[in-house]
Amino acid sequence: MREIRSELAEIKESQSFHTKLYDDLANKNKILEKQASDNKRTIDNLLERIYDLEDDLYYVSEKLEDQERRGRLENLEFHGVPINEKENTDEIVCNIAKMIGVNIHGTDISVPHRMPTEAQDTRTPAIFAKFVHRKNKMKIFEKRKSLQSIKPRAVFKQPSKIFIAEKVTALNEDLYFRARAAKNNCGYKFIWTSNGKVFVKKNSDVKNSLNIRCDEDLSKIK
């Protein structure tokens, strides 16, 4: 009986130890569950805040892009004009405009200059021109295709293929070149810029053109 009592006492002591151990583990588990719940709530709040900040960033980026685009509406680039050491960029721009039937004067141009190029770029740097009045810029840009039928030798001593382009933002310039590649792969015939925006059109029978504003729009060229 003494041995049995001793064994029962040991069993009770062991049971009490394991019960206490279980209670401790259960309490720790409750604490961990609460911490996990709090962490999940914190993560959800942070994710919601991140989504809000991403929306704000997208809105601000759109506004900045639009402001930059609007700030370039009076600008044009004249490509393929031969370089002359004593050249007058005002006079060159006026002569090119005259070639396509637009009469302007040096006072109509506020900022004419040769554009800087990268060291590895072997192309002739374009002439940048900012016009005082947007209407003069639009007249020249609308008649730019007339240059295709004009021989530049009439104005410039060296033969050259001159073309006029809008000064677009870095984003739209990237979209333009990527849209041009997609256009060629998908059989589209037309790509152009208008007021700094990029447009593509499959053929002359299609009424509506596609405005390329982001990567998502590029996927619509198919």
N, C-alpha and C. Protein backbone atom coordinates (compact mmCIF):
# COMPACT_ATOMS: atom_id res chain seq x y z
N MET A 1 0.83 -1.20 0.00
CA MET A 1 0.00 0.00 0.00
C MET A 1 0.87 1.27 0.00
N ARG A 2 1.99 1.19 0.75
CA ARG A 2 2.88 2.33 0.81
C ARG A 2 3.45 2.62 -0.58
N GLU A 3 3.81 1.56 -1.31
CA GLU A 3 4.36 1.71 -2.65
C GLU A 3 3.31 2.26 -3.62
N ILE A 4 2.07 1.78 -3.45
CA ILE A 4 0.99 2.24 -4.32
C ILE A 4 0.73 3.73 -4.09
N ARG A 5 0.71 4.12 -2.79
CA ARG A 5 0.48 5.53 -2.48
C ARG A 5 1.60 6.39 -3.07
N SER A 6 2.83 5.88 -2.98
CA SER A 6 3.96 6.62 -3.52
C SER A 6 3.84 6.79 -5.03
N GLU A 7 3.41 5.72 -5.70
CA GLU A 7 3.26 5.79 -7.16
C GLU A 7 2.13 6.74 -7.55
N LEU A 8 1.03 6.69 -6.78
CA LEU A 8 -0.09 7.59 -7.05
C LEU A 8 0.33 9.05 -6.86
N ALA A 9 1.14 9.26 -5.84
CA ALA A 9 1.61 10.62 -5.60
C ALA A 9 2.48 11.11 -6.77
N GLU A 10 3.31 10.22 -7.27
CA GLU A 10 4.16 10.57 -8.41
C GLU A 10 3.32 10.85 -9.66
N ILE A 11 2.28 10.01 -9.83
CA ILE A 11 1.40 10.19 -11.00
C ILE A 11 0.68 11.54 -10.91
N LYS A 12 0.18 11.84 -9.66
CA LYS A 12 -0.51 13.11 -9.48
C LYS A 12 0.45 14.28 -9.72
N GLU A 13 1.67 14.16 -9.25
CA GLU A 13 2.65 15.22 -9.44
C GLU A 13 2.98 15.41 -10.92
N SER A 14 3.11 14.27 -11.63
CA SER A 14 3.39 14.33 -13.06
C SER A 14 2.21 14.93 -13.81
N GLN A 15 0.99 14.50 -13.37
CA GLN A 15 -0.21 15.02 -14.01
C GLN A 15 -0.32 16.53 -13.79
N SER A 16 -0.01 16.94 -12.56
CA SER A 16 -0.07 18.37 -12.24
C SER A 16 0.96 19.15 -13.07
N PHE A 17 2.15 18.55 -13.23
CA PHE A 17 3.19 19.21 -14.03
C PHE A 17 2.76 19.37 -15.48
N HIS A 18 2.22 18.27 -16.04
CA HIS A 18 1.78 18.32 -17.44
C HIS A 18 0.58 19.24 -17.63
N THR A 19 -0.30 19.27 -16.59
CA THR A 19 -1.44 20.19 -16.67
C THR A 19 -0.97 21.63 -16.69
N LYS A 20 0.00 21.95 -15.81
CA LYS A 20 0.55 23.29 -15.78
C LYS A 20 1.26 23.62 -17.09
N LEU A 21 2.00 22.60 -17.61
CA LEU A 21 2.70 22.81 -18.89
C LEU A 21 1.71 23.08 -20.01
N TYR A 22 0.61 22.31 -20.03
CA TYR A 22 -0.43 22.50 -21.04
C TYR A 22 -1.05 23.89 -20.93
N ASP A 23 -1.35 24.29 -19.66
CA ASP A 23 -1.95 25.61 -19.45
C ASP A 23 -1.00 26.72 -19.92
N ASP A 24 0.30 26.54 -19.63
CA ASP A 24 1.28 27.54 -20.07
C ASP A 24 1.33 27.62 -21.59
N LEU A 25 1.33 26.44 -22.22
CA LEU A 25 1.36 26.41 -23.69
C LEU A 25 0.09 27.02 -24.28
N ALA A 26 -1.04 26.72 -23.65
CA ALA A 26 -2.31 27.26 -24.13
C ALA A 26 -2.32 28.79 -24.02
N ASN A 27 -1.77 29.29 -22.88
CA ASN A 27 -1.71 30.75 -22.71
C ASN A 27 -0.77 31.39 -23.74
N LYS A 28 0.38 30.74 -23.95
CA LYS A 28 1.32 31.25 -24.94
C LYS A 28 0.69 31.24 -26.33
N ASN A 29 -0.07 30.17 -26.61
CA ASN A 29 -0.72 30.07 -27.92
C ASN A 29 -1.74 31.19 -28.10
N LYS A 30 -2.49 31.51 -27.02
CA LYS A 30 -3.44 32.62 -27.10
C LYS A 30 -2.73 33.94 -27.36
N ILE A 31 -1.59 34.10 -26.68
CA ILE A 31 -0.81 35.33 -26.88
C ILE A 31 -0.32 35.43 -28.32
N LEU A 32 0.20 34.28 -28.85
CA LEU A 32 0.68 34.25 -30.24
C LEU A 32 -0.45 34.50 -31.24
N GLU A 33 -1.62 33.92 -30.95
CA GLU A 33 -2.77 34.13 -31.83
C GLU A 33 -3.18 35.61 -31.84
N LYS A 34 -3.14 36.23 -30.65
CA LYS A 34 -3.48 37.66 -30.58
C LYS A 34 -2.45 38.49 -31.34
N GLN A 35 -1.15 38.15 -31.16
CA GLN A 35 -0.10 38.86 -31.88
C GLN A 35 -0.26 38.69 -33.39
N ALA A 36 -0.59 37.45 -33.82
CA ALA A 36 -0.80 37.20 -35.25
C ALA A 36 -1.98 38.00 -35.77
N SER A 37 -3.05 38.08 -34.96
CA SER A 37 -4.22 38.85 -35.37
C SER A 37 -3.89 40.34 -35.46
N ASP A 38 -3.13 40.83 -34.46
CA ASP A 38 -2.72 42.24 -34.49
C ASP A 38 -1.82 42.52 -35.69
N ASN A 39 -0.88 41.59 -35.94
CA ASN A 39 0.03 41.76 -37.08
C ASN A 39 -0.73 41.77 -38.40
N LYS A 40 -1.72 40.88 -38.52
CA LYS A 40 -2.52 40.83 -39.75
C LYS A 40 -3.28 42.14 -39.93
N ARG A 41 -3.83 42.65 -38.84
CA ARG A 41 -4.55 43.92 -38.91
C ARG A 41 -3.61 45.05 -39.33
N THR A 42 -2.39 45.03 -38.76
CA THR A 42 -1.40 46.06 -39.12
C THR A 42 -1.00 45.95 -40.58
N ILE A 43 -0.77 44.69 -41.05
CA ILE A 43 -0.39 44.47 -42.44
C ILE A 43 -1.51 44.92 -43.38
N ASP A 44 -2.75 44.60 -43.04
CA ASP A 44 -3.89 45.02 -43.87
C ASP A 44 -3.97 46.54 -43.96
N ASN A 45 -3.76 47.20 -42.81
CA ASN A 45 -3.78 48.67 -42.80
C ASN A 45 -2.65 49.25 -43.65
N LEU A 46 -1.45 48.62 -43.54
CA LEU A 46 -0.31 49.09 -44.33
C LEU A 46 -0.54 48.88 -45.82
N LEU A 47 -1.11 47.71 -46.18
CA LEU A 47 -1.40 47.44 -47.59
C LEU A 47 -2.41 48.43 -48.14
N GLU A 48 -3.42 48.74 -47.33
CA GLU A 48 -4.42 49.72 -47.77
C GLU A 48 -3.78 51.09 -47.96
N ARG A 49 -2.85 51.43 -47.07
CA ARG A 49 -2.15 52.70 -47.18
C ARG A 49 -1.26 52.72 -48.43
N ILE A 50 -0.62 51.58 -48.70
CA ILE A 50 0.23 51.48 -49.89
C ILE A 50 -0.61 51.66 -51.15
N TYR A 51 -1.78 51.01 -51.19
CA TYR A 51 -2.66 51.15 -52.36
C TYR A 51 -3.08 52.61 -52.53
N ASP A 52 -3.38 53.28 -51.41
CA ASP A 52 -3.77 54.70 -51.48
C ASP A 52 -2.60 55.54 -52.00
N LEU A 53 -1.39 55.25 -51.50
CA LEU A 53 -0.21 56.01 -51.95
C LEU A 53 0.09 55.75 -53.42
N GLU A 54 -0.12 54.50 -53.88
CA GLU A 54 0.09 54.18 -55.29
C GLU A 54 -0.90 54.95 -56.17
N ASP A 55 -2.15 55.04 -55.68
CA ASP A 55 -3.16 55.83 -56.43
C ASP A 55 -2.76 57.30 -56.48
N ASP A 56 -2.30 57.81 -55.32
CA ASP A 56 -1.87 59.22 -55.28
C ASP A 56 -0.67 59.45 -56.20
N LEU A 57 0.28 58.49 -56.18
CA LEU A 57 1.47 58.62 -57.03
C LEU A 57 1.09 58.59 -58.50
N TYR A 58 0.17 57.69 -58.86
CA TYR A 58 -0.29 57.60 -60.25
C TYR A 58 -0.96 58.91 -60.67
N TYR A 59 -1.78 59.47 -59.79
CA TYR A 59 -2.47 60.72 -60.10
C TYR A 59 -1.47 61.85 -60.28
N VAL A 60 -0.50 61.94 -59.35
CA VAL A 60 0.51 63.00 -59.43
C VAL A 60 1.36 62.83 -60.69
N SER A 61 1.73 61.57 -61.00
CA SER A 61 2.54 61.31 -62.20
C SER A 61 1.78 61.70 -63.45
N GLU A 62 0.48 61.41 -63.48
CA GLU A 62 -0.34 61.79 -64.62
C GLU A 62 -0.40 63.31 -64.77
N LYS A 63 -0.55 64.00 -63.64
CA LYS A 63 -0.60 65.46 -63.69
C LYS A 63 0.72 66.05 -64.17
N LEU A 64 1.84 65.51 -63.64
CA LEU A 64 3.15 66.01 -64.05
C LEU A 64 3.41 65.73 -65.53
N GLU A 65 3.03 64.53 -65.98
CA GLU A 65 3.21 64.18 -67.39
C GLU A 65 2.40 65.11 -68.27
N ASP A 66 1.16 65.39 -67.86
CA ASP A 66 0.31 66.28 -68.65
C ASP A 66 0.86 67.70 -68.67
N GLN A 67 1.36 68.16 -67.52
CA GLN A 67 1.96 69.50 -67.47
C GLN A 67 3.20 69.58 -68.36
N GLU A 68 4.03 68.52 -68.32
CA GLU A 68 5.23 68.51 -69.16
C GLU A 68 4.85 68.49 -70.64
N ARG A 69 3.83 67.70 -70.97
CA ARG A 69 3.37 67.64 -72.37
C ARG A 69 2.86 69.00 -72.83
N ARG A 70 2.05 69.66 -71.97
CA ARG A 70 1.51 70.97 -72.32
C ARG A 70 2.63 72.01 -72.46
N GLY A 71 3.68 71.85 -71.65
CA GLY A 71 4.79 72.78 -71.72
C GLY A 71 5.60 72.66 -72.99
N ARG A 72 5.34 71.59 -73.77
CA ARG A 72 6.08 71.39 -75.02
C ARG A 72 5.22 71.59 -76.26
N LEU A 73 4.02 72.10 -76.08
CA LEU A 73 3.10 72.24 -77.22
C LEU A 73 3.57 73.27 -78.24
N GLU A 74 4.46 74.18 -77.84
CA GLU A 74 4.97 75.19 -78.79
C GLU A 74 6.30 74.77 -79.41
N ASN A 75 6.74 73.55 -79.15
CA ASN A 75 8.09 73.12 -79.56
C ASN A 75 8.05 72.20 -80.79
N LEU A 76 9.10 72.32 -81.62
CA LEU A 76 9.29 71.43 -82.76
C LEU A 76 10.77 71.08 -82.87
N GLU A 77 11.03 69.91 -83.48
CA GLU A 77 12.40 69.49 -83.79
C GLU A 77 12.55 69.40 -85.30
N PHE A 78 13.65 69.95 -85.81
CA PHE A 78 13.93 69.91 -87.25
C PHE A 78 15.15 68.99 -87.45
N HIS A 79 14.89 67.81 -87.99
CA HIS A 79 15.93 66.79 -88.13
C HIS A 79 16.51 66.78 -89.55
N GLY A 80 17.78 66.39 -89.64
CA GLY A 80 18.44 66.22 -90.93
C GLY A 80 18.99 67.50 -91.52
N VAL A 81 19.04 68.58 -90.76
CA VAL A 81 19.56 69.85 -91.27
C VAL A 81 21.09 69.83 -91.16
N PRO A 82 21.81 69.98 -92.27
CA PRO A 82 23.28 69.96 -92.23
C PRO A 82 23.83 71.05 -91.31
N ILE A 83 24.94 70.74 -90.65
CA ILE A 83 25.57 71.70 -89.74
C ILE A 83 26.49 72.64 -90.50
N ASN A 84 26.39 73.91 -90.17
CA ASN A 84 27.26 74.94 -90.72
C ASN A 84 27.88 75.71 -89.55
N GLU A 85 29.18 75.92 -89.60
CA GLU A 85 29.86 76.56 -88.48
C GLU A 85 29.29 77.94 -88.17
N LYS A 86 28.87 78.66 -89.19
CA LYS A 86 28.35 80.01 -88.98
C LYS A 86 26.84 80.05 -89.14
N GLU A 87 26.17 78.96 -88.85
CA GLU A 87 24.73 78.88 -89.08
C GLU A 87 23.95 79.76 -88.10
N ASN A 88 22.81 80.17 -88.57
CA ASN A 88 21.86 80.94 -87.76
C ASN A 88 20.59 80.10 -87.65
N THR A 89 20.34 79.53 -86.48
CA THR A 89 19.22 78.59 -86.34
C THR A 89 17.88 79.28 -86.55
N ASP A 90 17.77 80.55 -86.16
CA ASP A 90 16.54 81.31 -86.45
C ASP A 90 16.26 81.31 -87.95
N GLU A 91 17.29 81.65 -88.71
CA GLU A 91 17.16 81.75 -90.16
C GLU A 91 16.86 80.40 -90.78
N ILE A 92 17.50 79.35 -90.27
CA ILE A 92 17.26 78.00 -90.81
C ILE A 92 15.81 77.61 -90.64
N VAL A 93 15.28 77.80 -89.41
CA VAL A 93 13.88 77.43 -89.14
C VAL A 93 12.93 78.24 -90.03
N CYS A 94 13.22 79.53 -90.18
CA CYS A 94 12.36 80.38 -91.03
C CYS A 94 12.40 79.91 -92.49
N ASN A 95 13.60 79.50 -92.96
CA ASN A 95 13.73 79.02 -94.34
C ASN A 95 12.98 77.72 -94.57
N ILE A 96 13.07 76.81 -93.60
CA ILE A 96 12.35 75.54 -93.72
C ILE A 96 10.85 75.80 -93.74
N ALA A 97 10.39 76.72 -92.87
CA ALA A 97 8.97 77.06 -92.84
C ALA A 97 8.53 77.64 -94.18
N LYS A 98 9.38 78.47 -94.74
CA LYS A 98 9.06 79.08 -96.03
C LYS A 98 8.98 78.03 -97.13
N MET A 99 9.83 76.99 -97.03
CA MET A 99 9.82 75.91 -98.02
C MET A 99 8.46 75.22 -98.10
N ILE A 100 7.74 75.18 -96.99
CA ILE A 100 6.44 74.49 -96.96
C ILE A 100 5.28 75.48 -96.93
N GLY A 101 5.57 76.75 -97.21
CA GLY A 101 4.51 77.73 -97.37
C GLY A 101 4.05 78.43 -96.11
N VAL A 102 4.90 78.47 -95.09
CA VAL A 102 4.55 79.17 -93.84
C VAL A 102 5.54 80.31 -93.64
N ASN A 103 5.06 81.52 -93.62
CA ASN A 103 5.92 82.69 -93.46
C ASN A 103 6.01 83.10 -91.99
N ILE A 104 7.20 82.98 -91.42
CA ILE A 104 7.44 83.42 -90.05
C ILE A 104 8.74 84.23 -90.03
N HIS A 105 8.98 84.89 -88.90
CA HIS A 105 10.18 85.70 -88.74
C HIS A 105 10.94 85.22 -87.49
N GLY A 106 12.16 85.69 -87.36
CA GLY A 106 12.98 85.31 -86.21
C GLY A 106 12.32 85.67 -84.89
N THR A 107 11.54 86.73 -84.88
CA THR A 107 10.85 87.16 -83.65
C THR A 107 9.73 86.20 -83.25
N ASP A 108 9.36 85.29 -84.16
CA ASP A 108 8.32 84.30 -83.84
C ASP A 108 8.90 83.09 -83.12
N ILE A 109 10.23 83.05 -83.02
CA ILE A 109 10.90 81.91 -82.38
C ILE A 109 11.63 82.42 -81.14
N SER A 110 11.34 81.81 -79.99
CA SER A 110 11.94 82.31 -78.75
C SER A 110 13.21 81.55 -78.37
N VAL A 111 13.26 80.26 -78.65
CA VAL A 111 14.43 79.48 -78.22
C VAL A 111 14.86 78.52 -79.33
N PRO A 112 15.72 78.94 -80.27
CA PRO A 112 16.23 78.00 -81.27
C PRO A 112 17.68 77.58 -80.95
N HIS A 113 17.97 76.31 -81.07
CA HIS A 113 19.36 75.87 -80.86
C HIS A 113 19.52 74.42 -81.33
N ARG A 114 20.75 74.03 -81.55
CA ARG A 114 21.05 72.63 -81.86
C ARG A 114 20.91 71.81 -80.59
N MET A 115 20.30 70.64 -80.73
CA MET A 115 20.10 69.78 -79.57
C MET A 115 21.37 68.99 -79.27
N PRO A 116 21.69 68.79 -78.00
CA PRO A 116 22.86 67.98 -77.65
C PRO A 116 22.63 66.51 -78.01
N THR A 117 23.70 65.79 -78.31
CA THR A 117 23.60 64.37 -78.65
C THR A 117 24.59 63.57 -77.82
N GLU A 118 24.36 62.28 -77.76
CA GLU A 118 25.28 61.39 -77.05
C GLU A 118 26.56 61.24 -77.87
N ALA A 119 27.66 60.93 -77.17
CA ALA A 119 28.97 60.81 -77.84
C ALA A 119 28.95 59.74 -78.93
N GLN A 120 28.22 58.64 -78.69
CA GLN A 120 28.20 57.54 -79.65
C GLN A 120 27.18 57.74 -80.77
N ASP A 121 26.40 58.82 -80.69
CA ASP A 121 25.37 59.09 -81.71
C ASP A 121 26.03 59.80 -82.90
N THR A 122 25.98 59.16 -84.06
CA THR A 122 26.62 59.72 -85.26
C THR A 122 25.65 60.56 -86.11
N ARG A 123 24.40 60.63 -85.69
CA ARG A 123 23.43 61.38 -86.46
C ARG A 123 23.63 62.89 -86.28
N THR A 124 23.20 63.63 -87.29
CA THR A 124 23.26 65.10 -87.20
C THR A 124 22.29 65.58 -86.13
N PRO A 125 22.75 66.36 -85.17
CA PRO A 125 21.84 66.82 -84.12
C PRO A 125 20.73 67.69 -84.69
N ALA A 126 19.53 67.49 -84.19
CA ALA A 126 18.37 68.25 -84.67
C ALA A 126 18.42 69.68 -84.15
N ILE A 127 17.63 70.53 -84.79
CA ILE A 127 17.46 71.90 -84.32
C ILE A 127 16.15 71.97 -83.54
N PHE A 128 16.25 72.46 -82.32
CA PHE A 128 15.07 72.63 -81.47
C PHE A 128 14.57 74.06 -81.60
N ALA A 129 13.26 74.23 -81.69
CA ALA A 129 12.69 75.57 -81.78
C ALA A 129 11.42 75.66 -80.94
N LYS A 130 11.39 76.66 -80.07
CA LYS A 130 10.18 76.95 -79.29
C LYS A 130 9.57 78.22 -79.88
N PHE A 131 8.29 78.12 -80.27
CA PHE A 131 7.63 79.24 -80.94
C PHE A 131 6.88 80.11 -79.94
N VAL A 132 6.86 81.40 -80.24
CA VAL A 132 6.18 82.36 -79.37
C VAL A 132 4.68 82.08 -79.36
N HIS A 133 4.14 81.76 -80.55
CA HIS A 133 2.71 81.48 -80.67
C HIS A 133 2.51 80.04 -81.17
N ARG A 134 1.64 79.34 -80.51
CA ARG A 134 1.39 77.94 -80.87
C ARG A 134 0.84 77.81 -82.28
N LYS A 135 0.11 78.83 -82.76
CA LYS A 135 -0.50 78.73 -84.09
C LYS A 135 0.58 78.58 -85.17
N ASN A 136 1.74 79.25 -85.00
CA ASN A 136 2.82 79.12 -85.97
C ASN A 136 3.40 77.71 -85.94
N LYS A 137 3.55 77.18 -84.75
CA LYS A 137 4.04 75.80 -84.61
C LYS A 137 3.09 74.83 -85.31
N MET A 138 1.76 75.02 -85.11
CA MET A 138 0.78 74.13 -85.70
C MET A 138 0.76 74.24 -87.22
N LYS A 139 0.91 75.46 -87.76
CA LYS A 139 0.94 75.64 -89.21
C LYS A 139 2.09 74.84 -89.83
N ILE A 140 3.27 74.96 -89.20
CA ILE A 140 4.45 74.25 -89.72
C ILE A 140 4.27 72.75 -89.57
N PHE A 141 3.77 72.31 -88.44
CA PHE A 141 3.64 70.87 -88.19
C PHE A 141 2.60 70.25 -89.12
N GLU A 142 1.53 70.98 -89.39
CA GLU A 142 0.48 70.44 -90.26
C GLU A 142 0.96 70.30 -91.71
N LYS A 143 1.93 71.14 -92.12
CA LYS A 143 2.43 71.10 -93.50
C LYS A 143 3.77 70.36 -93.62
N ARG A 144 4.18 69.69 -92.56
CA ARG A 144 5.51 69.05 -92.54
C ARG A 144 5.69 68.01 -93.64
N LYS A 145 4.61 67.35 -94.06
CA LYS A 145 4.73 66.31 -95.07
C LYS A 145 5.09 66.88 -96.44
N SER A 146 4.90 68.19 -96.60
CA SER A 146 5.27 68.84 -97.87
C SER A 146 6.76 68.73 -98.14
N LEU A 147 7.55 68.56 -97.08
CA LEU A 147 9.00 68.45 -97.24
C LEU A 147 9.40 67.22 -98.06
N GLN A 148 8.53 66.20 -98.08
CA GLN A 148 8.85 64.97 -98.80
C GLN A 148 9.00 65.20 -100.30
N SER A 149 8.32 66.24 -100.81
CA SER A 149 8.37 66.52 -102.25
C SER A 149 9.27 67.70 -102.59
N ILE A 150 10.03 68.21 -101.60
CA ILE A 150 10.90 69.36 -101.81
C ILE A 150 12.36 68.92 -101.73
N LYS A 151 13.17 69.39 -102.65
CA LYS A 151 14.60 69.08 -102.62
C LYS A 151 15.31 70.10 -101.74
N PRO A 152 15.91 69.66 -100.63
CA PRO A 152 16.58 70.58 -99.71
C PRO A 152 17.71 71.37 -100.33
N ARG A 153 18.21 70.92 -101.51
CA ARG A 153 19.30 71.66 -102.16
C ARG A 153 18.88 73.09 -102.48
N ALA A 154 17.58 73.32 -102.56
CA ALA A 154 17.09 74.66 -102.86
C ALA A 154 17.45 75.64 -101.76
N VAL A 155 17.68 75.13 -100.54
CA VAL A 155 18.01 75.98 -99.41
C VAL A 155 19.37 75.65 -98.83
N PHE A 156 19.70 74.34 -98.78
CA PHE A 156 20.96 73.91 -98.17
C PHE A 156 21.90 73.35 -99.24
N LYS A 157 23.15 73.67 -99.11
CA LYS A 157 24.14 73.24 -100.11
C LYS A 157 24.32 71.73 -100.10
N GLN A 158 24.26 71.14 -98.91
CA GLN A 158 24.47 69.69 -98.82
C GLN A 158 23.13 68.97 -98.95
N PRO A 159 23.12 67.82 -99.66
CA PRO A 159 21.87 67.06 -99.76
C PRO A 159 21.49 66.50 -98.40
N SER A 160 20.22 66.51 -98.09
CA SER A 160 19.79 66.03 -96.79
C SER A 160 18.30 65.71 -96.83
N LYS A 161 17.90 64.78 -95.99
CA LYS A 161 16.48 64.45 -95.85
C LYS A 161 15.99 65.08 -94.55
N ILE A 162 15.22 66.15 -94.69
CA ILE A 162 14.76 66.91 -93.53
C ILE A 162 13.35 66.46 -93.16
N PHE A 163 13.12 66.31 -91.87
CA PHE A 163 11.77 66.05 -91.40
C PHE A 163 11.55 66.77 -90.07
N ILE A 164 10.28 67.04 -89.79
CA ILE A 164 9.89 67.81 -88.61
C ILE A 164 9.11 66.92 -87.66
N ALA A 165 9.42 67.03 -86.38
CA ALA A 165 8.74 66.22 -85.37
C ALA A 165 8.41 67.07 -84.15
N GLU A 166 7.39 66.65 -83.42
CA GLU A 166 7.06 67.33 -82.17
C GLU A 166 8.08 66.95 -81.10
N LYS A 167 8.30 67.85 -80.18
CA LYS A 167 9.15 67.57 -79.02
C LYS A 167 8.26 66.97 -77.94
N VAL A 168 8.26 65.63 -77.84
CA VAL A 168 7.38 64.95 -76.89
C VAL A 168 8.13 64.67 -75.59
N THR A 169 7.39 64.25 -74.57
CA THR A 169 8.00 63.91 -73.29
C THR A 169 8.77 62.60 -73.43
N ALA A 170 9.64 62.33 -72.45
CA ALA A 170 10.42 61.10 -72.47
C ALA A 170 9.52 59.87 -72.45
N LEU A 171 8.42 59.94 -71.69
CA LEU A 171 7.47 58.81 -71.63
C LEU A 171 6.85 58.56 -72.99
N ASN A 172 6.35 59.62 -73.64
CA ASN A 172 5.70 59.45 -74.94
C ASN A 172 6.69 59.10 -76.04
N GLU A 173 7.93 59.54 -75.90
CA GLU A 173 8.95 59.15 -76.87
C GLU A 173 9.19 57.64 -76.80
N ASP A 174 9.28 57.11 -75.56
CA ASP A 174 9.45 55.67 -75.38
C ASP A 174 8.23 54.91 -75.91
N LEU A 175 7.03 55.41 -75.60
CA LEU A 175 5.80 54.77 -76.10
C LEU A 175 5.74 54.81 -77.61
N TYR A 176 6.20 55.90 -78.21
CA TYR A 176 6.18 56.03 -79.67
C TYR A 176 7.02 54.93 -80.34
N PHE A 177 8.25 54.76 -79.87
CA PHE A 177 9.13 53.76 -80.50
C PHE A 177 8.63 52.34 -80.26
N ARG A 178 8.09 52.09 -79.09
CA ARG A 178 7.55 50.76 -78.81
C ARG A 178 6.27 50.51 -79.59
N ALA A 179 5.44 51.56 -79.74
CA ALA A 179 4.21 51.43 -80.54
C ALA A 179 4.55 51.23 -82.01
N ARG A 180 5.62 51.88 -82.48
CA ARG A 180 6.03 51.72 -83.88
C ARG A 180 6.45 50.28 -84.14
N ALA A 181 7.19 49.69 -83.19
CA ALA A 181 7.59 48.30 -83.35
C ALA A 181 6.38 47.38 -83.35
N ALA A 182 5.43 47.63 -82.45
CA ALA A 182 4.20 46.82 -82.40
C ALA A 182 3.37 47.02 -83.66
N LYS A 183 3.35 48.25 -84.16
CA LYS A 183 2.60 48.56 -85.40
C LYS A 183 3.12 47.74 -86.57
N ASN A 184 4.44 47.69 -86.70
CA ASN A 184 5.04 46.95 -87.81
C ASN A 184 4.76 45.45 -87.69
N ASN A 185 4.74 44.94 -86.48
CA ASN A 185 4.50 43.51 -86.26
C ASN A 185 3.04 43.13 -86.50
N CYS A 186 2.14 44.08 -86.28
CA CYS A 186 0.71 43.77 -86.35
C CYS A 186 0.02 44.33 -87.58
N GLY A 187 0.80 44.88 -88.52
CA GLY A 187 0.21 45.33 -89.78
C GLY A 187 -0.50 46.66 -89.72
N TYR A 188 -0.21 47.48 -88.74
CA TYR A 188 -0.79 48.84 -88.71
C TYR A 188 -0.03 49.72 -89.69
N LYS A 189 -0.74 50.65 -90.32
CA LYS A 189 -0.11 51.49 -91.34
C LYS A 189 0.33 52.86 -90.83
N PHE A 190 -0.36 53.38 -89.83
CA PHE A 190 -0.11 54.77 -89.45
C PHE A 190 0.26 54.90 -87.98
N ILE A 191 1.24 55.75 -87.71
CA ILE A 191 1.59 56.16 -86.36
C ILE A 191 2.03 57.61 -86.41
N TRP A 192 1.59 58.43 -85.47
CA TRP A 192 1.94 59.84 -85.49
C TRP A 192 1.75 60.42 -84.08
N THR A 193 2.21 61.64 -83.91
CA THR A 193 1.97 62.38 -82.67
C THR A 193 1.14 63.61 -82.98
N SER A 194 0.33 64.00 -82.03
CA SER A 194 -0.47 65.21 -82.16
C SER A 194 -0.62 65.83 -80.78
N ASN A 195 -0.17 67.08 -80.66
CA ASN A 195 -0.16 67.76 -79.36
C ASN A 195 0.56 66.95 -78.30
N GLY A 196 1.63 66.29 -78.73
CA GLY A 196 2.45 65.54 -77.79
C GLY A 196 1.93 64.16 -77.44
N LYS A 197 0.81 63.73 -78.03
CA LYS A 197 0.23 62.42 -77.76
C LYS A 197 0.51 61.48 -78.93
N VAL A 198 0.59 60.18 -78.62
CA VAL A 198 0.91 59.16 -79.62
C VAL A 198 -0.37 58.47 -80.10
N PHE A 199 -0.51 58.34 -81.43
CA PHE A 199 -1.68 57.68 -82.00
C PHE A 199 -1.25 56.65 -83.04
N VAL A 200 -2.02 55.58 -83.16
CA VAL A 200 -1.82 54.59 -84.22
C VAL A 200 -3.17 54.29 -84.87
N LYS A 201 -3.09 53.84 -86.12
CA LYS A 201 -4.30 53.50 -86.86
C LYS A 201 -3.98 52.38 -87.82
N LYS A 202 -4.88 51.38 -87.88
CA LYS A 202 -4.59 50.19 -88.67
C LYS A 202 -4.55 50.50 -90.16
N ASN A 203 -5.54 51.22 -90.65
CA ASN A 203 -5.57 51.61 -92.06
C ASN A 203 -6.51 52.79 -92.23
N SER A 204 -6.60 53.29 -93.44
CA SER A 204 -7.42 54.48 -93.70
C SER A 204 -8.91 54.21 -93.58
N ASP A 205 -9.32 52.92 -93.61
CA ASP A 205 -10.74 52.58 -93.50
C ASP A 205 -11.23 52.66 -92.05
N VAL A 206 -10.31 52.56 -91.11
CA VAL A 206 -10.69 52.60 -89.69
C VAL A 206 -10.97 54.04 -89.29
N LYS A 207 -12.13 54.27 -88.68
CA LYS A 207 -12.52 55.64 -88.33
C LYS A 207 -11.76 56.16 -87.11
N ASN A 208 -11.69 55.36 -86.08
CA ASN A 208 -11.10 55.82 -84.83
C ASN A 208 -9.65 55.38 -84.69
N SER A 209 -8.80 56.30 -84.27
CA SER A 209 -7.40 55.97 -84.01
C SER A 209 -7.25 55.57 -82.54
N LEU A 210 -6.15 54.91 -82.24
CA LEU A 210 -5.88 54.44 -80.89
C LEU A 210 -4.84 55.33 -80.24
N ASN A 211 -5.20 55.96 -79.12
CA ASN A 211 -4.29 56.82 -78.37
C ASN A 211 -3.46 55.95 -77.42
N ILE A 212 -2.14 55.97 -77.60
CA ILE A 212 -1.24 55.17 -76.77
C ILE A 212 -0.77 56.03 -75.60
N ARG A 213 -1.28 55.73 -74.40
CA ARG A 213 -0.95 56.54 -73.22
C ARG A 213 -0.14 55.77 -72.18
N CYS A 214 -0.15 54.42 -72.28
CA CYS A 214 0.55 53.63 -71.27
C CYS A 214 0.84 52.24 -71.84
N ASP A 215 1.49 51.40 -71.03
CA ASP A 215 1.83 50.05 -71.48
C ASP A 215 0.58 49.24 -71.83
N GLU A 216 -0.48 49.46 -71.08
CA GLU A 216 -1.71 48.71 -71.32
C GLU A 216 -2.27 48.98 -72.72
N ASP A 217 -2.11 50.24 -73.18
CA ASP A 217 -2.60 50.58 -74.52
C ASP A 217 -1.78 49.89 -75.61
N LEU A 218 -0.51 49.63 -75.33
CA LEU A 218 0.32 48.94 -76.32
C LEU A 218 -0.21 47.54 -76.62
N SER A 219 -0.81 46.90 -75.61
CA SER A 219 -1.35 45.56 -75.81
C SER A 219 -2.59 45.56 -76.71
N LYS A 220 -3.17 46.75 -76.94
CA LYS A 220 -4.35 46.85 -77.82
C LYS A 220 -3.97 46.86 -79.29
N ILE A 221 -2.67 47.00 -79.58
CA ILE A 221 -2.21 46.94 -80.98
C ILE A 221 -2.06 45.48 -81.35
N LYS A 222 -3.03 44.94 -82.02
CA LYS A 222 -3.00 43.51 -82.38
C LYS A 222 -3.83 43.25 -83.62
